[in-house]
Amino acid sequence: MDVRNCRKCGKLFNYIAGPGICPQCMEKSEEEFQKVKEYLRNNPSATVATTAEACEVEIGQIRQWLREERLTFSSAEGSDLTCEKCGKPIISGRFCEACKNDMAHGLNAAIAKPIAPPPEPKKPTSGGSKMRFL
C-alpha cells in the first residue's frame, strides 16, 4: 500500500495512480474543470485571465488543462501557448502538428523493422511412384 500526502491539501491518502492528489481534491478539481468548460462554451473568445477570474480558478490550473489538451483556444492568434520544440503559437497541448508528425516519424524510423528471411528454395519433386496419404 502506497500512502502519500496530497499535493494540494496535505492530507494523507492511499495513492493508486495518477496525479498525487487525494480523491476529494481530485473531485474539486473536476468540478472546477466543468465550471470552466461551461464558461468557455458560453464565452468562446475568453482569455485565460478572464476565464480564471470569472470561474475563480488559478491561471496555472487552466494552463495545465490546456497542456493536457482538455481545453483548447478558439484560435492560435490569441493563445499564449507555444510549441515546446519550435515556438509556434498553438491552441492546446505541448507541440504543434508539424512537430508532432516529425517526432512520430522519427520514432517510427528509430524502431528497426524486422527483415523477412529469404524464402527457402523448393525441393524438386520427382515424378516417381511414391505412396502418399490423402
N, C-alpha and C. Protein backbone atom coordinates (compact mmCIF):
# COMPACT_ATOMS: atom_id res chain seq x y z
N MET A 1 0.85 -1.16 0.00
CA MET A 1 0.00 0.00 0.00
C MET A 1 0.91 1.24 0.00
N ASP A 2 0.58 2.19 -0.87
CA ASP A 2 1.37 3.40 -1.01
C ASP A 2 0.57 4.57 -0.44
N VAL A 3 1.02 5.11 0.68
CA VAL A 3 0.34 6.23 1.33
C VAL A 3 1.16 7.49 1.07
N ARG A 4 0.48 8.54 0.60
CA ARG A 4 1.17 9.80 0.29
C ARG A 4 0.39 10.98 0.84
N ASN A 5 1.05 12.12 0.87
CA ASN A 5 0.39 13.38 1.22
C ASN A 5 -0.11 14.02 -0.06
N CYS A 6 -1.31 14.57 0.01
CA CYS A 6 -1.90 15.27 -1.13
C CYS A 6 -1.07 16.52 -1.43
N ARG A 7 -0.79 16.77 -2.70
CA ARG A 7 0.00 17.94 -3.10
C ARG A 7 -0.78 19.24 -2.91
N LYS A 8 -2.12 19.16 -2.86
CA LYS A 8 -2.91 20.38 -2.70
C LYS A 8 -3.25 20.69 -1.26
N CYS A 9 -3.81 19.70 -0.55
CA CYS A 9 -4.28 19.97 0.81
C CYS A 9 -3.37 19.39 1.90
N GLY A 10 -2.49 18.47 1.55
CA GLY A 10 -1.56 17.91 2.52
C GLY A 10 -2.07 16.71 3.29
N LYS A 11 -3.32 16.29 3.08
CA LYS A 11 -3.87 15.13 3.79
C LYS A 11 -3.23 13.84 3.27
N LEU A 12 -3.17 12.83 4.16
CA LEU A 12 -2.70 11.52 3.76
C LEU A 12 -3.80 10.80 2.99
N PHE A 13 -3.40 10.06 1.95
CA PHE A 13 -4.38 9.27 1.21
C PHE A 13 -3.67 8.06 0.61
N ASN A 14 -4.45 7.06 0.26
CA ASN A 14 -3.93 5.84 -0.35
C ASN A 14 -3.73 6.12 -1.84
N TYR A 15 -2.48 6.23 -2.26
CA TYR A 15 -2.15 6.55 -3.65
C TYR A 15 -2.23 5.29 -4.49
N ILE A 16 -2.97 5.39 -5.59
CA ILE A 16 -3.07 4.26 -6.51
C ILE A 16 -2.35 4.59 -7.81
N ALA A 17 -2.77 5.67 -8.45
CA ALA A 17 -2.13 6.09 -9.71
C ALA A 17 -2.58 7.51 -10.03
N GLY A 18 -1.93 8.12 -11.02
CA GLY A 18 -2.33 9.45 -11.47
C GLY A 18 -1.63 10.54 -10.70
N PRO A 19 -2.22 11.75 -10.74
CA PRO A 19 -1.60 12.87 -10.04
C PRO A 19 -1.60 12.61 -8.54
N GLY A 20 -0.68 13.19 -7.84
CA GLY A 20 -0.54 12.95 -6.41
C GLY A 20 -1.47 13.78 -5.56
N ILE A 21 -2.77 13.75 -5.88
CA ILE A 21 -3.74 14.48 -5.07
C ILE A 21 -4.81 13.51 -4.57
N CYS A 22 -5.39 13.86 -3.43
CA CYS A 22 -6.38 12.98 -2.80
C CYS A 22 -7.70 12.99 -3.61
N PRO A 23 -8.55 12.01 -3.37
CA PRO A 23 -9.82 11.93 -4.10
C PRO A 23 -10.70 13.17 -3.92
N GLN A 24 -10.69 13.78 -2.72
CA GLN A 24 -11.51 14.97 -2.51
C GLN A 24 -11.01 16.15 -3.37
N CYS A 25 -9.71 16.33 -3.42
CA CYS A 25 -9.14 17.40 -4.24
C CYS A 25 -9.33 17.10 -5.72
N MET A 26 -9.26 15.82 -6.09
CA MET A 26 -9.49 15.42 -7.49
C MET A 26 -10.93 15.76 -7.88
N GLU A 27 -11.87 15.49 -6.99
CA GLU A 27 -13.28 15.79 -7.26
C GLU A 27 -13.49 17.29 -7.38
N LYS A 28 -12.87 18.05 -6.49
CA LYS A 28 -12.98 19.51 -6.54
C LYS A 28 -12.38 20.05 -7.84
N SER A 29 -11.26 19.49 -8.26
CA SER A 29 -10.62 19.90 -9.50
C SER A 29 -11.51 19.60 -10.70
N GLU A 30 -12.17 18.46 -10.70
CA GLU A 30 -13.07 18.11 -11.79
C GLU A 30 -14.28 19.04 -11.83
N GLU A 31 -14.79 19.44 -10.66
CA GLU A 31 -15.90 20.40 -10.61
C GLU A 31 -15.47 21.75 -11.19
N GLU A 32 -14.24 22.18 -10.85
CA GLU A 32 -13.71 23.43 -11.40
C GLU A 32 -13.56 23.33 -12.91
N PHE A 33 -13.10 22.17 -13.40
CA PHE A 33 -12.96 21.98 -14.83
C PHE A 33 -14.30 22.10 -15.54
N GLN A 34 -15.33 21.48 -14.98
CA GLN A 34 -16.66 21.54 -15.59
C GLN A 34 -17.17 22.98 -15.60
N LYS A 35 -16.89 23.73 -14.53
CA LYS A 35 -17.29 25.13 -14.45
C LYS A 35 -16.59 25.95 -15.54
N VAL A 36 -15.30 25.74 -15.72
CA VAL A 36 -14.53 26.45 -16.75
C VAL A 36 -15.02 26.05 -18.14
N LYS A 37 -15.27 24.77 -18.33
CA LYS A 37 -15.75 24.28 -19.62
C LYS A 37 -17.10 24.92 -19.99
N GLU A 38 -17.98 25.03 -19.03
CA GLU A 38 -19.29 25.65 -19.27
C GLU A 38 -19.13 27.14 -19.57
N TYR A 39 -18.23 27.81 -18.84
CA TYR A 39 -17.98 29.24 -19.08
C TYR A 39 -17.45 29.45 -20.50
N LEU A 40 -16.53 28.59 -20.92
CA LEU A 40 -15.95 28.73 -22.26
C LEU A 40 -16.96 28.37 -23.35
N ARG A 41 -17.88 27.51 -23.05
CA ARG A 41 -18.94 27.19 -24.02
C ARG A 41 -19.80 28.43 -24.28
N ASN A 42 -20.04 29.21 -23.22
CA ASN A 42 -20.85 30.43 -23.35
C ASN A 42 -20.03 31.62 -23.81
N ASN A 43 -18.72 31.62 -23.58
CA ASN A 43 -17.82 32.72 -23.95
C ASN A 43 -16.61 32.16 -24.70
N PRO A 44 -16.78 31.77 -25.96
CA PRO A 44 -15.70 31.08 -26.67
C PRO A 44 -14.44 31.92 -26.92
N SER A 45 -14.54 33.24 -26.89
CA SER A 45 -13.36 34.06 -27.16
C SER A 45 -12.70 34.57 -25.88
N ALA A 46 -13.01 34.00 -24.74
CA ALA A 46 -12.45 34.45 -23.46
C ALA A 46 -10.97 34.10 -23.38
N THR A 47 -10.21 34.93 -22.69
CA THR A 47 -8.78 34.66 -22.47
C THR A 47 -8.60 33.84 -21.20
N VAL A 48 -7.39 33.40 -20.98
CA VAL A 48 -7.08 32.62 -19.78
C VAL A 48 -7.34 33.45 -18.53
N ALA A 49 -6.90 34.71 -18.55
CA ALA A 49 -7.04 35.57 -17.37
C ALA A 49 -8.51 35.85 -17.05
N THR A 50 -9.32 36.16 -18.07
CA THR A 50 -10.74 36.44 -17.80
C THR A 50 -11.47 35.18 -17.35
N THR A 51 -11.10 34.06 -17.91
CA THR A 51 -11.72 32.79 -17.50
C THR A 51 -11.36 32.46 -16.06
N ALA A 52 -10.11 32.64 -15.71
CA ALA A 52 -9.67 32.36 -14.34
C ALA A 52 -10.38 33.25 -13.35
N GLU A 53 -10.53 34.52 -13.70
CA GLU A 53 -11.20 35.46 -12.80
C GLU A 53 -12.68 35.14 -12.67
N ALA A 54 -13.33 34.86 -13.79
CA ALA A 54 -14.77 34.60 -13.77
C ALA A 54 -15.11 33.29 -13.05
N CYS A 55 -14.28 32.29 -13.18
CA CYS A 55 -14.55 30.98 -12.59
C CYS A 55 -13.85 30.75 -11.26
N GLU A 56 -13.05 31.73 -10.82
CA GLU A 56 -12.31 31.63 -9.57
C GLU A 56 -11.42 30.38 -9.54
N VAL A 57 -10.66 30.23 -10.63
CA VAL A 57 -9.73 29.12 -10.79
C VAL A 57 -8.36 29.73 -11.06
N GLU A 58 -7.30 29.07 -10.60
CA GLU A 58 -5.96 29.58 -10.81
C GLU A 58 -5.59 29.52 -12.30
N ILE A 59 -4.83 30.51 -12.74
CA ILE A 59 -4.39 30.55 -14.13
C ILE A 59 -3.53 29.33 -14.44
N GLY A 60 -2.69 28.93 -13.50
CA GLY A 60 -1.83 27.76 -13.69
C GLY A 60 -2.63 26.49 -13.94
N GLN A 61 -3.77 26.36 -13.28
CA GLN A 61 -4.62 25.18 -13.48
C GLN A 61 -5.20 25.18 -14.88
N ILE A 62 -5.64 26.34 -15.35
CA ILE A 62 -6.19 26.42 -16.71
C ILE A 62 -5.10 26.10 -17.73
N ARG A 63 -3.90 26.61 -17.51
CA ARG A 63 -2.78 26.31 -18.42
C ARG A 63 -2.47 24.81 -18.43
N GLN A 64 -2.58 24.18 -17.28
CA GLN A 64 -2.35 22.74 -17.21
C GLN A 64 -3.39 21.99 -18.05
N TRP A 65 -4.64 22.39 -17.95
CA TRP A 65 -5.69 21.75 -18.75
C TRP A 65 -5.46 21.98 -20.24
N LEU A 66 -4.94 23.15 -20.59
CA LEU A 66 -4.61 23.42 -21.99
C LEU A 66 -3.48 22.51 -22.46
N ARG A 67 -2.45 22.35 -21.64
CA ARG A 67 -1.32 21.49 -21.99
C ARG A 67 -1.74 20.02 -22.09
N GLU A 68 -2.71 19.62 -21.25
CA GLU A 68 -3.22 18.24 -21.28
C GLU A 68 -4.20 18.02 -22.42
N GLU A 69 -4.52 19.08 -23.16
CA GLU A 69 -5.47 19.08 -24.27
C GLU A 69 -6.90 18.78 -23.82
N ARG A 70 -7.21 19.12 -22.59
CA ARG A 70 -8.59 19.02 -22.11
C ARG A 70 -9.37 20.26 -22.52
N LEU A 71 -8.66 21.38 -22.71
CA LEU A 71 -9.24 22.63 -23.20
C LEU A 71 -8.44 23.08 -24.41
N THR A 72 -9.08 23.87 -25.28
CA THR A 72 -8.38 24.45 -26.42
C THR A 72 -8.80 25.89 -26.60
N PHE A 73 -7.91 26.69 -27.17
CA PHE A 73 -8.26 28.05 -27.55
C PHE A 73 -9.06 27.98 -28.84
N SER A 74 -9.87 29.02 -29.10
CA SER A 74 -10.64 29.03 -30.34
C SER A 74 -9.75 29.31 -31.54
N SER A 75 -8.65 30.06 -31.35
CA SER A 75 -7.69 30.27 -32.43
C SER A 75 -6.30 30.45 -31.82
N ALA A 76 -5.29 30.21 -32.64
CA ALA A 76 -3.91 30.31 -32.16
C ALA A 76 -3.47 31.76 -32.00
N GLU A 77 -4.22 32.70 -32.60
CA GLU A 77 -3.82 34.10 -32.55
C GLU A 77 -3.85 34.66 -31.13
N GLY A 78 -4.88 34.38 -30.36
CA GLY A 78 -5.00 34.92 -29.02
C GLY A 78 -4.34 34.06 -27.96
N SER A 79 -3.84 32.91 -28.35
CA SER A 79 -3.27 31.99 -27.37
C SER A 79 -1.86 32.41 -27.01
N ASP A 80 -1.52 32.20 -25.76
CA ASP A 80 -0.15 32.48 -25.35
C ASP A 80 0.63 31.18 -25.18
N LEU A 81 0.05 30.08 -25.67
CA LEU A 81 0.76 28.80 -25.68
C LEU A 81 1.65 28.72 -26.91
N THR A 82 2.84 28.18 -26.71
CA THR A 82 3.74 27.98 -27.84
C THR A 82 4.23 26.55 -27.85
N CYS A 83 4.60 26.08 -29.02
CA CYS A 83 5.16 24.74 -29.19
C CYS A 83 6.48 24.68 -28.43
N GLU A 84 6.66 23.63 -27.66
CA GLU A 84 7.89 23.48 -26.87
C GLU A 84 9.10 23.18 -27.73
N LYS A 85 8.88 22.79 -28.98
CA LYS A 85 10.01 22.45 -29.85
C LYS A 85 10.38 23.60 -30.77
N CYS A 86 9.40 24.18 -31.48
CA CYS A 86 9.73 25.21 -32.47
C CYS A 86 9.28 26.61 -32.07
N GLY A 87 8.39 26.75 -31.09
CA GLY A 87 7.97 28.07 -30.62
C GLY A 87 6.78 28.67 -31.34
N LYS A 88 6.15 27.93 -32.27
CA LYS A 88 4.97 28.44 -32.97
C LYS A 88 3.78 28.50 -32.00
N PRO A 89 2.88 29.49 -32.18
CA PRO A 89 1.67 29.53 -31.34
C PRO A 89 0.78 28.31 -31.62
N ILE A 90 0.22 27.72 -30.55
CA ILE A 90 -0.66 26.56 -30.69
C ILE A 90 -1.93 26.80 -29.88
N ILE A 91 -2.97 26.00 -30.14
CA ILE A 91 -4.23 26.19 -29.43
C ILE A 91 -4.36 25.29 -28.20
N SER A 92 -3.61 24.19 -28.14
CA SER A 92 -3.59 23.34 -26.95
C SER A 92 -2.46 22.34 -27.08
N GLY A 93 -2.16 21.65 -25.99
CA GLY A 93 -1.12 20.64 -25.99
C GLY A 93 0.25 21.23 -25.75
N ARG A 94 1.27 20.48 -26.15
CA ARG A 94 2.66 20.91 -25.93
C ARG A 94 3.39 21.18 -27.23
N PHE A 95 2.93 20.55 -28.33
CA PHE A 95 3.63 20.67 -29.60
C PHE A 95 2.65 21.00 -30.72
N CYS A 96 3.16 21.66 -31.78
CA CYS A 96 2.34 21.94 -32.95
C CYS A 96 2.21 20.65 -33.77
N GLU A 97 1.29 20.65 -34.73
CA GLU A 97 1.05 19.44 -35.52
C GLU A 97 2.29 19.01 -36.31
N ALA A 98 3.03 19.98 -36.86
CA ALA A 98 4.23 19.64 -37.63
C ALA A 98 5.26 18.95 -36.75
N CYS A 99 5.48 19.46 -35.54
CA CYS A 99 6.45 18.84 -34.64
C CYS A 99 5.98 17.47 -34.16
N LYS A 100 4.67 17.32 -33.93
CA LYS A 100 4.13 16.01 -33.54
C LYS A 100 4.40 14.99 -34.64
N ASN A 101 4.15 15.40 -35.90
CA ASN A 101 4.39 14.49 -37.02
C ASN A 101 5.87 14.14 -37.16
N ASP A 102 6.74 15.14 -37.00
CA ASP A 102 8.18 14.90 -37.07
C ASP A 102 8.62 13.90 -36.00
N MET A 103 8.12 14.08 -34.78
CA MET A 103 8.51 13.17 -33.70
C MET A 103 7.97 11.76 -33.95
N ALA A 104 6.74 11.66 -34.46
CA ALA A 104 6.16 10.34 -34.74
C ALA A 104 6.96 9.63 -35.82
N HIS A 105 7.34 10.36 -36.89
CA HIS A 105 8.13 9.74 -37.96
C HIS A 105 9.52 9.37 -37.46
N GLY A 106 10.08 10.21 -36.59
CA GLY A 106 11.39 9.91 -36.03
C GLY A 106 11.37 8.65 -35.18
N LEU A 107 10.30 8.48 -34.40
CA LEU A 107 10.18 7.27 -33.59
C LEU A 107 9.98 6.04 -34.46
N ASN A 108 9.16 6.19 -35.51
CA ASN A 108 8.94 5.05 -36.40
C ASN A 108 10.23 4.65 -37.10
N ALA A 109 11.04 5.63 -37.47
CA ALA A 109 12.31 5.33 -38.14
C ALA A 109 13.31 4.70 -37.18
N ALA A 110 13.22 5.05 -35.90
CA ALA A 110 14.16 4.52 -34.91
C ALA A 110 13.90 3.05 -34.59
N ILE A 111 12.66 2.64 -34.76
CA ILE A 111 12.32 1.25 -34.47
C ILE A 111 12.73 0.40 -35.67
N ALA A 112 13.62 -0.55 -35.43
CA ALA A 112 14.08 -1.41 -36.52
C ALA A 112 12.97 -2.36 -36.93
N LYS A 113 12.70 -2.34 -38.22
CA LYS A 113 11.67 -3.23 -38.73
C LYS A 113 12.30 -4.59 -39.00
N PRO A 114 11.63 -5.67 -38.62
CA PRO A 114 12.22 -6.99 -38.84
C PRO A 114 12.35 -7.28 -40.34
N ILE A 115 13.48 -7.86 -40.69
CA ILE A 115 13.73 -8.22 -42.08
C ILE A 115 13.23 -9.64 -42.29
N ALA A 116 12.41 -9.80 -43.29
CA ALA A 116 11.85 -11.12 -43.57
C ALA A 116 12.95 -12.03 -44.08
N PRO A 117 13.01 -13.27 -43.57
CA PRO A 117 14.04 -14.20 -44.05
C PRO A 117 13.76 -14.55 -45.51
N PRO A 118 14.81 -14.78 -46.27
CA PRO A 118 14.59 -15.14 -47.68
C PRO A 118 13.84 -16.47 -47.76
N PRO A 119 12.99 -16.60 -48.75
CA PRO A 119 12.24 -17.86 -48.86
C PRO A 119 13.17 -19.02 -49.15
N GLU A 120 12.86 -20.16 -48.58
CA GLU A 120 13.67 -21.35 -48.80
C GLU A 120 13.39 -21.90 -50.19
N PRO A 121 14.44 -22.32 -50.86
CA PRO A 121 14.20 -22.89 -52.20
C PRO A 121 13.41 -24.18 -52.09
N LYS A 122 12.51 -24.36 -53.04
CA LYS A 122 11.68 -25.56 -53.03
C LYS A 122 12.50 -26.75 -53.53
N LYS A 123 12.25 -27.89 -52.91
CA LYS A 123 12.94 -29.11 -53.31
C LYS A 123 12.27 -29.63 -54.58
N PRO A 124 13.08 -30.02 -55.50
CA PRO A 124 12.48 -30.55 -56.73
C PRO A 124 11.75 -31.86 -56.42
N THR A 125 10.61 -32.00 -57.00
CA THR A 125 9.84 -33.24 -56.81
C THR A 125 10.10 -34.16 -57.98
N SER A 126 10.26 -35.41 -57.67
CA SER A 126 10.47 -36.39 -58.73
C SER A 126 9.13 -37.00 -59.11
N GLY A 127 9.02 -37.39 -60.28
CA GLY A 127 7.77 -37.95 -60.77
C GLY A 127 7.65 -39.44 -60.48
N GLY A 128 8.40 -39.95 -59.51
CA GLY A 128 8.38 -41.38 -59.21
C GLY A 128 7.05 -41.82 -58.62
N SER A 129 6.95 -43.12 -58.46
CA SER A 129 5.71 -43.67 -57.92
C SER A 129 5.88 -43.85 -56.43
N LYS A 130 5.64 -42.78 -55.72
CA LYS A 130 5.73 -42.83 -54.26
C LYS A 130 4.34 -42.88 -53.68
N MET A 131 4.24 -43.52 -52.53
CA MET A 131 2.95 -43.60 -51.87
C MET A 131 2.71 -42.32 -51.08
N ARG A 132 1.50 -41.79 -51.17
CA ARG A 132 1.15 -40.56 -50.47
C ARG A 132 -0.15 -40.79 -49.71
N PHE A 133 -0.31 -40.00 -48.65
CA PHE A 133 -1.55 -40.04 -47.90
C PHE A 133 -2.51 -39.00 -48.45
N LEU A 134 -3.77 -39.27 -48.44
CA LEU A 134 -4.79 -38.32 -48.86
C LEU A 134 -5.49 -37.74 -47.69
